[in-house]
């Protein structure tokens, strides 16, 4: 029997992929638990088919470019809930260890998804935040730009007052 380099892959890499898949599934299945908030109700994860249909419609209408379509379709999940002002979507990026890149990716994808779904805020979720991710989130909050972060199952919503945040 001949072995290939693929056969010799590090099992830790496989575990890392499984951890990420587990987290993504957990946040989608239990969206109301993790993202429910007194000002964010009727929370659920949108089916990927609904997200894709909205992206295709926006692409066909010329609201987004093919590059934006490709970027946004890679979102880990889209969470939808109702605020007093109406429906809000969260463009969720999930990672075991959330870093600055995850925050930036969530921001980019939320901007695109806003064109397809309506108001969309970026969101990140995972077990831990790197210092770079904390700094990026704090900078966004200081600029009055919303982002929701879930670290180790605890949601961190943008600072109050909500009215001061640019939707």
Foldseek 3Di string as FASTA:
>chain_A
DDDDVVNVDDVVVVVQVVVQVVVLVVCQVPVCQQPPDPQWPPKHWDPLVVLLVLLVVCCVVVLDDPVLSVLLSPQSTWMWTAGPVGIEIEREDEHQEAALVRQVSQQSNQVSSCSRPNHYAYEYEHAYYDPRNVVNQVVCLVVLGWYWYHHNSHIDGRDDPPVSHDD
